C-alpha atoms as a PDB file:
ATOM      1  CA  UNK A   1     114.268 119.116 140.111  1.00  0.00           C
ATOM      2  CA  UNK A   2     114.727 116.480 137.406  1.00  0.00           C
ATOM      3  CA  UNK A   3     111.873 114.434 138.902  1.00  0.00           C
ATOM      4  CA  UNK A   4     109.661 117.516 138.539  1.00  0.00           C
ATOM      5  CA  UNK A   5     110.477 117.956 134.951  1.00  0.00           C
ATOM      6  CA  UNK A   6     109.774 114.322 134.171  1.00  0.00           C
ATOM      7  CA  UNK A   7     106.375 114.458 135.885  1.00  0.00           C
ATOM      8  CA  UNK A   8     105.342 117.637 134.186  1.00  0.00           C
ATOM      9  CA  UNK A   9     106.421 116.150 130.847  1.00  0.00           C
ATOM     10  CA  UNK A  10     104.241 113.089 131.509  1.00  0.00           C
ATOM     11  CA  UNK A  11     101.469 115.248 132.540  1.00  0.00           C
ATOM     12  CA  UNK A  12     101.605 117.145 129.241  1.00  0.00           C
ATOM     13  CA  UNK A  13     101.627 113.901 127.273  1.00  0.00           C
ATOM     14  CA  UNK A  14      98.637 112.674 129.350  1.00  0.00           C
ATOM     15  CA  UNK A  15      96.762 115.799 128.218  1.00  0.00           C
ATOM     16  CA  UNK A  16      97.505 115.211 124.611  1.00  0.00           C
ATOM     17  CA  UNK A  17      96.413 111.505 124.922  1.00  0.00           C
ATOM     18  CA  UNK A  18      93.134 112.751 126.567  1.00  0.00           C
ATOM     19  CA  UNK A  19      92.396 114.722 123.548  1.00  0.00           C
ATOM     20  CA  UNK A  20      92.330 111.578 121.520  1.00  0.00           C
ATOM     21  CA  UNK A  21      89.509 109.891 123.439  1.00  0.00           C
ATOM     22  CA  UNK A  22      91.839 108.214 125.858  1.00  0.00           C
ATOM     23  CA  UNK A  23      93.051 109.062 129.372  1.00  0.00           C
ATOM     24  CA  UNK A  24      96.302 108.530 131.112  1.00  0.00           C
ATOM     25  CA  UNK A  25      97.143 107.651 134.801  1.00  0.00           C
ATOM     26  CA  UNK A  26     100.598 108.518 136.146  1.00  0.00           C
ATOM     27  CA  UNK A  27     101.977 106.644 139.067  1.00  0.00           C
ATOM     28  CA  UNK A  28     105.228 107.888 140.864  1.00  0.00           C
ATOM     29  CA  UNK A  29     107.024 105.293 143.012  1.00  0.00           C
ATOM     30  CA  UNK A  30     110.261 106.345 144.476  1.00  0.00           C
ATOM     31  CA  UNK A  31     112.408 107.593 141.563  1.00  0.00           C
ATOM     32  CA  UNK A  32     110.334 105.825 138.954  1.00  0.00           C
ATOM     33  CA  UNK A  33     107.302 107.040 137.057  1.00  0.00           C
ATOM     34  CA  UNK A  34     104.814 104.857 135.184  1.00  0.00           C
ATOM     35  CA  UNK A  35     102.052 106.080 132.818  1.00  0.00           C
ATOM     36  CA  UNK A  36      99.115 103.807 131.993  1.00  0.00           C
ATOM     37  CA  UNK A  37      96.999 104.721 128.896  1.00  0.00           C
ATOM     38  CA  UNK A  38      93.481 103.211 128.537  1.00  0.00           C
ATOM     39  CA  UNK A  39      90.251 103.830 126.635  1.00  0.00           C
ATOM     40  CA  UNK A  40      88.073 106.584 128.100  1.00  0.00           C
ATOM     41  CA  UNK A  41      84.394 105.779 128.872  1.00  0.00           C
ATOM     42  CA  UNK A  42      81.995 107.353 126.432  1.00  0.00           C
ATOM     43  CA  UNK A  43      80.270 109.242 129.235  1.00  0.00           C
ATOM     44  CA  UNK A  44      83.547 111.081 129.921  1.00  0.00           C
ATOM     45  CA  UNK A  45      84.516 111.803 126.431  1.00  0.00           C
ATOM     46  CA  UNK A  46      84.838 115.568 125.460  1.00  0.00           C
ATOM     47  CA  UNK A  47      81.658 117.025 123.829  1.00  0.00           C
ATOM     48  CA  UNK A  48      82.274 118.604 120.419  1.00  0.00           C
ATOM     49  CA  UNK A  49      79.828 121.382 119.932  1.00  0.00           C
ATOM     50  CA  UNK A  50      78.275 121.767 116.457  1.00  0.00           C
ATOM     51  CA  UNK A  51      78.682 125.216 114.833  1.00  0.00           C
ATOM     52  CA  UNK A  52      75.455 126.611 113.420  1.00  0.00           C
ATOM     53  CA  UNK A  53      75.396 129.168 110.642  1.00  0.00           C
ATOM     54  CA  UNK A  54      72.549 131.633 110.349  1.00  0.00           C
ATOM     55  CA  UNK A  55      71.533 132.702 106.845  1.00  0.00           C
ATOM     56  CA  UNK A  56      74.170 134.839 105.405  1.00  0.00           C
ATOM     57  CA  UNK A  57      75.525 136.104 102.117  1.00  0.00           C
ATOM     58  CA  UNK A  58      78.594 134.344 100.745  1.00  0.00           C
ATOM     59  CA  UNK A  59      81.017 136.864  99.355  1.00  0.00           C
ATOM     60  CA  UNK A  60      82.664 134.402  97.041  1.00  0.00           C
ATOM     61  CA  UNK A  61      79.415 133.622  95.190  1.00  0.00           C
ATOM     62  CA  UNK A  62      77.978 137.075  94.802  1.00  0.00           C
ATOM     63  CA  UNK A  63      74.518 137.336  96.337  1.00  0.00           C
ATOM     64  CA  UNK A  64      73.986 133.670  97.040  1.00  0.00           C
ATOM     65  CA  UNK A  65      72.835 133.147 100.656  1.00  0.00           C
ATOM     66  CA  UNK A  66      73.144 130.081 102.744  1.00  0.00           C
ATOM     67  CA  UNK A  67      72.086 128.297 105.962  1.00  0.00           C
ATOM     68  CA  UNK A  68      73.712 125.313 107.454  1.00  0.00           C
ATOM     69  CA  UNK A  69      73.318 123.134 110.597  1.00  0.00           C
ATOM     70  CA  UNK A  70      75.067 119.873 111.121  1.00  0.00           C
ATOM     71  CA  UNK A  71      74.655 117.680 107.862  1.00  0.00           C
ATOM     72  CA  UNK A  72      72.019 120.092 106.374  1.00  0.00           C
ATOM     73  CA  UNK A  73      72.981 122.945 104.051  1.00  0.00           C
ATOM     74  CA  UNK A  74      70.754 125.161 101.892  1.00  0.00           C
ATOM     75  CA  UNK A  75      71.927 127.848  99.485  1.00  0.00           C
ATOM     76  CA  UNK A  76      69.514 130.066  97.841  1.00  0.00           C
ATOM     77  CA  UNK A  77      69.102 133.343  95.811  1.00  0.00           C
ATOM     78  CA  UNK A  78      66.372 135.261  94.116  1.00  0.00           C
ATOM     79  CA  UNK A  79      66.604 135.661  90.306  1.00  0.00           C
ATOM     80  CA  UNK A  80      65.305 139.150  89.768  1.00  0.00           C
ATOM     81  CA  UNK A  81      64.560 138.494  85.992  1.00  0.00           C
ATOM     82  CA  UNK A  82      62.402 135.430  86.503  1.00  0.00           C
ATOM     83  CA  UNK A  83      61.005 136.147  89.932  1.00  0.00           C
ATOM     84  CA  UNK A  84      61.976 132.703  91.168  1.00  0.00           C
ATOM     85  CA  UNK A  85      64.083 131.658  94.162  1.00  0.00           C
ATOM     86  CA  UNK A  86      66.679 129.109  93.399  1.00  0.00           C
ATOM     87  CA  UNK A  87      67.594 126.517  96.104  1.00  0.00           C
ATOM     88  CA  UNK A  88      70.465 124.108  96.394  1.00  0.00           C
ATOM     89  CA  UNK A  89      70.092 121.694  99.194  1.00  0.00           C
ATOM     90  CA  UNK A  90      72.781 119.299 100.257  1.00  0.00           C
ATOM     91  CA  UNK A  91      72.686 116.700 103.115  1.00  0.00           C
ATOM     92  CA  UNK A  92      75.795 114.863 104.227  1.00  0.00           C
ATOM     93  CA  UNK A  93      75.885 111.359 105.671  1.00  0.00           C
ATOM     94  CA  UNK A  94      72.497 110.648 104.002  1.00  0.00           C
ATOM     95  CA  UNK A  95      71.037 107.223 104.886  1.00  0.00           C
ATOM     96  CA  UNK A  96      69.977 106.043 101.393  1.00  0.00           C
ATOM     97  CA  UNK A  97      68.643 102.748 102.714  1.00  0.00           C
ATOM     98  CA  UNK A  98      65.603 104.607 104.371  1.00  0.00           C
ATOM     99  CA  UNK A  99      62.594 106.458 102.850  1.00  0.00           C
ATOM    100  CA  UNK A 100      62.897 109.853 104.391  1.00  0.00           C
ATOM    101  CA  UNK A 101      62.118 113.464 104.067  1.00  0.00           C
ATOM    102  CA  UNK A 102      63.558 116.962 104.683  1.00  0.00           C
ATOM    103  CA  UNK A 103      62.981 120.448 103.176  1.00  0.00           C
ATOM    104  CA  UNK A 104      62.378 124.059 103.960  1.00  0.00           C
ATOM    105  CA  UNK A 105      59.257 125.946 105.016  1.00  0.00           C
ATOM    106  CA  UNK A 106      58.000 129.495 105.068  1.00  0.00           C
ATOM    107  CA  UNK A 107      55.936 131.063 107.891  1.00  0.00           C
ATOM    108  CA  UNK A 108      55.794 131.471 111.631  1.00  0.00           C
ATOM    109  CA  UNK A 109      53.952 128.370 112.753  1.00  0.00           C
ATOM    110  CA  UNK A 110      52.330 125.227 111.655  1.00  0.00           C
ATOM    111  CA  UNK A 111      49.139 127.096 110.729  1.00  0.00           C
ATOM    112  CA  UNK A 112      49.232 128.180 107.164  1.00  0.00           C
ATOM    113  CA  UNK A 113      52.825 127.064 106.651  1.00  0.00           C
ATOM    114  CA  UNK A 114      54.158 126.900 103.145  1.00  0.00           C
ATOM    115  CA  UNK A 115      56.609 124.008 102.653  1.00  0.00           C
ATOM    116  CA  UNK A 116      58.803 122.487 100.043  1.00  0.00           C
ATOM    117  CA  UNK A 117      59.052 118.783 100.884  1.00  0.00           C
ATOM    118  CA  UNK A 118      61.969 116.625  99.580  1.00  0.00           C
ATOM    119  CA  UNK A 119      61.214 113.002  99.757  1.00  0.00           C
ATOM    120  CA  UNK A 120      63.748 110.170  98.891  1.00  0.00           C
ATOM    121  CA  UNK A 121      61.885 106.991  98.321  1.00  0.00           C
ATOM    122  CA  UNK A 122      63.838 103.917  97.257  1.00  0.00           C
ATOM    123  CA  UNK A 123      66.555 106.165  95.907  1.00  0.00           C
ATOM    124  CA  UNK A 124      64.207 108.269  93.965  1.00  0.00           C
ATOM    125  CA  UNK A 125      64.081 112.087  94.754  1.00  0.00           C
ATOM    126  CA  UNK A 126      60.629 113.822  94.785  1.00  0.00           C
ATOM    127  CA  UNK A 127      60.089 117.475  95.427  1.00  0.00           C
ATOM    128  CA  UNK A 128      56.598 118.792  96.101  1.00  0.00           C
ATOM    129  CA  UNK A 129      54.910 122.166  97.004  1.00  0.00           C
ATOM    130  CA  UNK A 130      52.709 121.554 100.081  1.00  0.00           C
ATOM    131  CA  UNK A 131      51.049 123.544 102.899  1.00  0.00           C
ATOM    132  CA  UNK A 132      49.752 122.840 106.434  1.00  0.00           C
ATOM    133  CA  UNK A 133      46.583 123.804 108.186  1.00  0.00           C
ATOM    134  CA  UNK A 134      47.746 122.963 111.687  1.00  0.00           C
ATOM    135  CA  UNK A 135      49.658 120.191 113.445  1.00  0.00           C
ATOM    136  CA  UNK A 136      48.837 117.420 111.002  1.00  0.00           C
ATOM    137  CA  UNK A 137      50.247 116.074 107.647  1.00  0.00           C
ATOM    138  CA  UNK A 138      51.110 118.621 104.989  1.00  0.00           C
ATOM    139  CA  UNK A 139      48.847 118.758 102.022  1.00  0.00           C
ATOM    140  CA  UNK A 140      50.033 119.168  98.344  1.00  0.00           C
ATOM    141  CA  UNK A 141      49.231 122.428  96.688  1.00  0.00           C
ATOM    142  CA  UNK A 142      46.456 122.598  94.091  1.00  0.00           C
ATOM    143  CA  UNK A 143      49.090 124.070  91.713  1.00  0.00           C
ATOM    144  CA  UNK A 144      52.606 122.665  91.943  1.00  0.00           C
ATOM    145  CA  UNK A 145      54.757 125.876  91.509  1.00  0.00           C
ATOM    146  CA  UNK A 146      58.038 124.319  92.714  1.00  0.00           C
ATOM    147  CA  UNK A 147      60.222 122.920  89.895  1.00  0.00           C
ATOM    148  CA  UNK A 148      62.911 120.461  90.529  1.00  0.00           C
ATOM    149  CA  UNK A 149      66.107 121.236  88.441  1.00  0.00           C
ATOM    150  CA  UNK A 150      68.304 118.286  89.502  1.00  0.00           C
ATOM    151  CA  UNK A 151      68.988 115.787  92.215  1.00  0.00           C
ATOM    152  CA  UNK A 152      71.557 113.118  93.086  1.00  0.00           C
ATOM    153  CA  UNK A 153      72.850 110.934  95.836  1.00  0.00           C
ATOM    154  CA  UNK A 154      76.675 110.356  95.611  1.00  0.00           C
ATOM    155  CA  UNK A 155      79.113 109.177  98.157  1.00  0.00           C
ATOM    156  CA  UNK A 156      76.539 109.589 100.982  1.00  0.00           C
ATOM    157  CA  UNK A 157      75.668 113.108  99.917  1.00  0.00           C
ATOM    158  CA  UNK A 158      72.197 114.110  98.829  1.00  0.00           C
ATOM    159  CA  UNK A 159      71.950 117.136  96.620  1.00  0.00           C
ATOM    160  CA  UNK A 160      68.643 118.670  95.280  1.00  0.00           C
ATOM    161  CA  UNK A 161      68.148 121.702  93.193  1.00  0.00           C
ATOM    162  CA  UNK A 162      64.782 123.364  92.670  1.00  0.00           C
ATOM    163  CA  UNK A 163      63.057 126.776  92.202  1.00  0.00           C
ATOM    164  CA  UNK A 164      59.958 128.450  93.653  1.00  0.00           C
ATOM    165  CA  UNK A 165      58.180 131.567  92.742  1.00  0.00           C
ATOM    166  CA  UNK A 166      58.760 134.465  95.102  1.00  0.00           C
ATOM    167  CA  UNK A 167      55.028 135.004  95.310  1.00  0.00           C
ATOM    168  CA  UNK A 168      51.825 133.543  93.672  1.00  0.00           C
ATOM    169  CA  UNK A 169      48.090 133.972  93.706  1.00  0.00           C
ATOM    170  CA  UNK A 170      47.473 130.841  95.812  1.00  0.00           C
ATOM    171  CA  UNK A 171      46.535 132.518  99.186  1.00  0.00           C
ATOM    172  CA  UNK A 172      46.544 130.057 102.003  1.00  0.00           C
ATOM    173  CA  UNK A 173      48.984 127.671 100.190  1.00  0.00           C
ATOM    174  CA  UNK A 174      51.872 129.758  99.063  1.00  0.00           C
ATOM    175  CA  UNK A 175      53.598 132.374 101.101  1.00  0.00           C
ATOM    176  CA  UNK A 176      55.119 135.608  99.631  1.00  0.00           C
ATOM    177  CA  UNK A 177      58.815 135.664 100.070  1.00  0.00           C
ATOM    178  CA  UNK A 178      59.447 139.249  99.311  1.00  0.00           C
ATOM    179  CA  UNK A 179      61.346 141.362 101.786  1.00  0.00           C
ATOM    180  CA  UNK A 180      62.124 139.812 105.094  1.00  0.00           C
ATOM    181  CA  UNK A 181      60.114 136.700 106.070  1.00  0.00           C
ATOM    182  CA  UNK A 182      60.411 133.849 108.536  1.00  0.00           C
ATOM    183  CA  UNK A 183      61.831 130.594 107.115  1.00  0.00           C
ATOM    184  CA  UNK A 184      61.981 127.177 108.793  1.00  0.00           C
ATOM    185  CA  UNK A 185      64.867 124.908 107.865  1.00  0.00           C
ATOM    186  CA  UNK A 186      63.985 121.162 108.409  1.00  0.00           C
ATOM    187  CA  UNK A 187      67.504 119.974 109.340  1.00  0.00           C
ATOM    188  CA  UNK A 188      66.424 116.553 110.555  1.00  0.00           C
ATOM    189  CA  UNK A 189      65.391 113.544 108.555  1.00  0.00           C
ATOM    190  CA  UNK A 190      62.016 111.759 109.199  1.00  0.00           C
ATOM    191  CA  UNK A 191      60.247 108.799 107.632  1.00  0.00           C
ATOM    192  CA  UNK A 192      58.229 109.329 104.493  1.00  0.00           C
ATOM    193  CA  UNK A 193      55.958 107.561 102.062  1.00  0.00           C
ATOM    194  CA  UNK A 194      54.578 108.642  98.649  1.00  0.00           C
ATOM    195  CA  UNK A 195      51.504 110.226 100.201  1.00  0.00           C
ATOM    196  CA  UNK A 196      52.606 110.968 103.792  1.00  0.00           C
ATOM    197  CA  UNK A 197      55.426 112.511 105.824  1.00  0.00           C
ATOM    198  CA  UNK A 198      55.859 111.752 109.495  1.00  0.00           C
ATOM    199  CA  UNK A 199      56.302 114.368 112.055  1.00  0.00           C
ATOM    200  CA  UNK A 200      59.772 115.843 112.021  1.00  0.00           C
ATOM    201  CA  UNK A 201      62.273 114.227 114.489  1.00  0.00           C
ATOM    202  CA  UNK A 202      63.905 117.564 115.114  1.00  0.00           C
ATOM    203  CA  UNK A 203      62.257 120.950 115.495  1.00  0.00           C
ATOM    204  CA  UNK A 204      62.896 123.052 112.353  1.00  0.00           C
ATOM    205  CA  UNK A 205      65.240 125.972 112.881  1.00  0.00           C
ATOM    206  CA  UNK A 206      63.344 129.302 112.357  1.00  0.00           C
ATOM    207  CA  UNK A 207      65.282 132.200 110.916  1.00  0.00           C
ATOM    208  CA  UNK A 208      64.313 135.546 109.236  1.00  0.00           C
ATOM    209  CA  UNK A 209      65.571 135.717 105.668  1.00  0.00           C
ATOM    210  CA  UNK A 210      65.736 138.953 103.681  1.00  0.00           C
ATOM    211  CA  UNK A 211      65.744 137.985  99.952  1.00  0.00           C
ATOM    212  CA  UNK A 212      66.687 141.552  99.056  1.00  0.00           C
ATOM    213  CA  UNK A 213      70.164 140.724 100.219  1.00  0.00           C
ATOM    214  CA  UNK A 214      70.183 137.454  98.060  1.00  0.00           C
ATOM    215  CA  UNK A 215      69.068 138.853  94.788  1.00  0.00           C
ATOM    216  CA  UNK A 216      70.859 138.527  91.413  1.00  0.00           C
END
């Protein structure tokens, strides 16, 4: 009976050790038990699933809605007095040594997609209003309606704040965001230059957003 208790105790300890990216081997010889702990191969390490949040309203911040996936997080709300949508984009673990881009887009597909492109070039943050005509590079709008309010990179966290009109007269370039519309969140980082952005390394996540629920 005592031997069984000891073995089960060692098994419980082995389970705890396994949870810390190690594994344990228990050898029982006669009345003696030995436990060997060694590093676990990466291929056998437990997989930690990333929790994805769909657009939702945050109770603590009134009618501010948010979307987050991995290191990407975008908060937004519609100012009913100005008719502009306010965005607050944060990106954790940001690789400041590279010239990259991220952002958010509005529309169902790459054809006629309205996009806000956030470039970081040599530590400088640039926000532009662009659109697409298909599977090719985005094109800057003839009128830049997006206004950057602030931007910073501190302790590996990129934060950019900007606003965009809920609707404009630029048909074919700007999408109307009234009511419920499809948004595409560009959660991955891709290489960029002042006049070009490379194809996104990760497919944007498409979600329907109802700004009526995010209005102040």
